[in-house]
């Protein structure tokens, strides 16, 4: 009987742990692919929350519910912006810049982990040079962290 009670209590406590919700935080690195140091490379981290529902409009054939908020209202005013280096220098790809950015990103990730965040996902994308005369591009990486809500 004692074993059954112990197992039941263990099971209930495990359900309680799994029922806790997570909060998420996204950190974005944008690394410029513009040559000659003309681009702007940054690590960006919002320091305020926004409720997406305040900026969402629902549409259907039967009803059109217009949201009174303007797109500009959704801008975050408080964020951290860390300057990092561009991928290219005057002579082409700069491996020292890449290593320097890796050191900065490692520092940011380690700081987030020290603050109780777990790195949950990483996703990246590229908008690269479209040919002669374009000369623009970015490499963007999103680091998605999570931790238990307190």
Protein backbone atom coordinates (compact mmCIF):
# COMPACT_ATOMS: atom_id res chain seq x y z
CA UNK A 1 0.00 0.00 0.00
CA UNK A 2 2.85 2.38 0.88
CA UNK A 3 4.43 1.71 -2.52
CA UNK A 4 1.21 2.56 -4.34
CA UNK A 5 0.84 5.83 -2.42
CA UNK A 6 4.50 6.69 -3.09
CA UNK A 7 4.14 5.95 -6.81
CA UNK A 8 0.92 7.99 -6.99
CA UNK A 9 2.59 10.96 -5.26
CA UNK A 10 5.59 10.67 -7.57
CA UNK A 11 3.31 10.57 -10.61
CA UNK A 12 1.34 13.63 -9.40
CA UNK A 13 4.53 15.61 -8.76
CA UNK A 14 5.82 14.74 -12.24
CA UNK A 15 2.53 15.97 -13.75
CA UNK A 16 2.94 19.23 -11.82
CA UNK A 17 6.46 19.74 -13.22
CA UNK A 18 5.30 19.07 -16.79
CA UNK A 19 2.34 21.43 -16.39
CA UNK A 20 4.58 24.45 -15.83
CA UNK A 21 4.69 26.84 -18.77
CA UNK A 22 7.77 28.17 -20.51
CA UNK A 23 8.65 31.67 -21.51
CA UNK A 24 10.67 32.26 -24.66
CA UNK A 25 13.17 34.88 -25.72
CA UNK A 26 14.63 35.40 -29.18
CA UNK A 27 18.07 36.85 -29.84
CA UNK A 28 18.85 37.72 -33.46
CA UNK A 29 22.25 38.20 -35.07
CA UNK A 30 22.40 40.02 -38.38
CA UNK A 31 25.73 39.82 -40.15
CA UNK A 32 26.23 41.98 -43.19
CA UNK A 33 27.43 40.59 -46.51
CA UNK A 34 28.12 44.10 -47.84
CA UNK A 35 31.80 44.60 -48.79
CA UNK A 36 34.16 47.30 -47.50
CA UNK A 37 32.58 47.56 -44.05
CA UNK A 38 29.56 49.42 -45.43
CA UNK A 39 27.00 47.11 -43.83
CA UNK A 40 25.71 47.06 -40.27
CA UNK A 41 26.08 43.86 -38.28
CA UNK A 42 24.39 43.53 -34.90
CA UNK A 43 23.13 41.22 -32.17
CA UNK A 44 19.60 42.33 -31.24
CA UNK A 45 17.63 41.38 -28.12
CA UNK A 46 14.26 42.93 -27.23
CA UNK A 47 13.96 44.06 -23.62
CA UNK A 48 10.19 44.44 -23.58
CA UNK A 49 7.27 42.22 -24.47
CA UNK A 50 4.53 42.83 -26.99
CA UNK A 51 1.18 41.08 -27.27
CA UNK A 52 0.79 40.08 -30.91
CA UNK A 53 -3.00 39.98 -30.48
CA UNK A 54 -3.07 43.77 -30.20
CA UNK A 55 -1.72 44.00 -33.75
CA UNK A 56 -3.67 41.15 -35.35
CA UNK A 57 -6.62 41.55 -37.68
CA UNK A 58 -9.05 38.68 -38.25
CA UNK A 59 -10.59 38.40 -41.69
CA UNK A 60 -13.20 36.12 -43.20
CA UNK A 61 -15.90 36.30 -45.84
CA UNK A 62 -18.55 36.88 -43.20
CA UNK A 63 -16.85 39.48 -41.09
CA UNK A 64 -13.95 41.86 -41.20
CA UNK A 65 -12.77 42.80 -37.72
CA UNK A 66 -10.44 45.78 -38.05
CA UNK A 67 -7.72 46.32 -35.48
CA UNK A 68 -7.35 49.95 -34.42
CA UNK A 69 -3.59 49.62 -33.79
CA UNK A 70 -1.15 50.92 -36.36
CA UNK A 71 1.79 48.84 -37.49
CA UNK A 72 4.19 51.49 -36.20
CA UNK A 73 2.73 51.06 -32.70
CA UNK A 74 4.11 47.52 -32.60
CA UNK A 75 7.72 48.72 -32.59
CA UNK A 76 9.74 47.80 -29.53
CA UNK A 77 11.41 50.84 -27.97
CA UNK A 78 13.68 48.97 -25.52
CA UNK A 79 16.25 46.58 -26.95
CA UNK A 80 19.91 45.73 -26.65
CA UNK A 81 22.03 46.27 -29.74
CA UNK A 82 25.55 44.82 -29.80
CA UNK A 83 27.77 45.88 -32.69
CA UNK A 84 29.59 43.04 -34.41
CA UNK A 85 31.76 42.93 -37.53
CA UNK A 86 30.82 42.47 -41.19
CA UNK A 87 31.67 39.25 -43.05
CA UNK A 88 33.54 41.15 -45.77
CA UNK A 89 36.38 43.63 -45.77
CA UNK A 90 37.86 45.49 -48.75
CA UNK A 91 39.67 42.34 -49.92
CA UNK A 92 36.79 39.87 -49.53
CA UNK A 93 35.64 37.52 -46.81
CA UNK A 94 37.34 38.29 -43.49
CA UNK A 95 37.83 35.19 -41.34
CA UNK A 96 39.06 37.22 -38.38
CA UNK A 97 35.75 39.10 -38.38
CA UNK A 98 33.86 35.80 -38.40
CA UNK A 99 35.92 34.49 -35.46
CA UNK A 100 35.31 37.77 -33.61
CA UNK A 101 31.55 37.50 -34.18
CA UNK A 102 31.62 33.89 -32.98
CA UNK A 103 33.28 35.07 -29.75
CA UNK A 104 30.60 37.75 -29.26
CA UNK A 105 27.75 35.31 -29.97
CA UNK A 106 29.28 32.72 -27.63
CA UNK A 107 29.44 35.37 -24.92
CA UNK A 108 25.77 36.27 -25.46
CA UNK A 109 24.65 32.61 -25.43
CA UNK A 110 26.71 31.87 -22.30
CA UNK A 111 25.26 34.93 -20.55
CA UNK A 112 21.72 33.82 -21.41
CA UNK A 113 22.45 30.33 -20.05
CA UNK A 114 23.91 31.85 -16.87
CA UNK A 115 20.61 33.78 -16.51
CA UNK A 116 18.66 30.50 -16.53
CA UNK A 117 17.73 30.30 -20.21
CA UNK A 118 18.11 27.09 -22.26
CA UNK A 119 18.97 27.29 -25.95
CA UNK A 120 15.96 25.57 -27.54
CA UNK A 121 16.32 26.24 -31.27
CA UNK A 122 18.57 27.98 -33.77
CA UNK A 123 17.42 28.98 -37.24
CA UNK A 124 19.18 30.97 -39.93
CA UNK A 125 18.67 32.43 -43.37
CA UNK A 126 20.50 34.40 -46.03
CA UNK A 127 19.61 37.20 -48.40
CA UNK A 128 22.65 37.32 -50.61
CA UNK A 129 24.00 39.38 -53.46
CA UNK A 130 21.63 39.15 -56.43
CA UNK A 131 24.28 39.83 -59.05
CA UNK A 132 26.10 42.71 -60.66
CA UNK A 133 25.30 46.03 -59.05
CA UNK A 134 23.42 44.62 -56.06
CA UNK A 135 26.20 44.48 -53.45
CA UNK A 136 23.85 43.82 -50.55
CA UNK A 137 23.02 40.88 -48.34
CA UNK A 138 22.62 39.67 -44.79
CA UNK A 139 23.09 36.47 -42.86
CA UNK A 140 20.50 36.30 -40.09
CA UNK A 141 20.43 33.81 -37.21
CA UNK A 142 17.73 33.56 -34.57
CA UNK A 143 18.59 31.96 -31.24
CA UNK A 144 15.42 30.89 -29.43
CA UNK A 145 15.80 30.42 -25.68
CA UNK A 146 13.31 29.08 -23.17
CA UNK A 147 13.00 28.78 -19.41
CA UNK A 148 10.33 27.86 -16.92
CA UNK A 149 8.09 30.77 -15.96
CA UNK A 150 8.61 31.83 -12.40
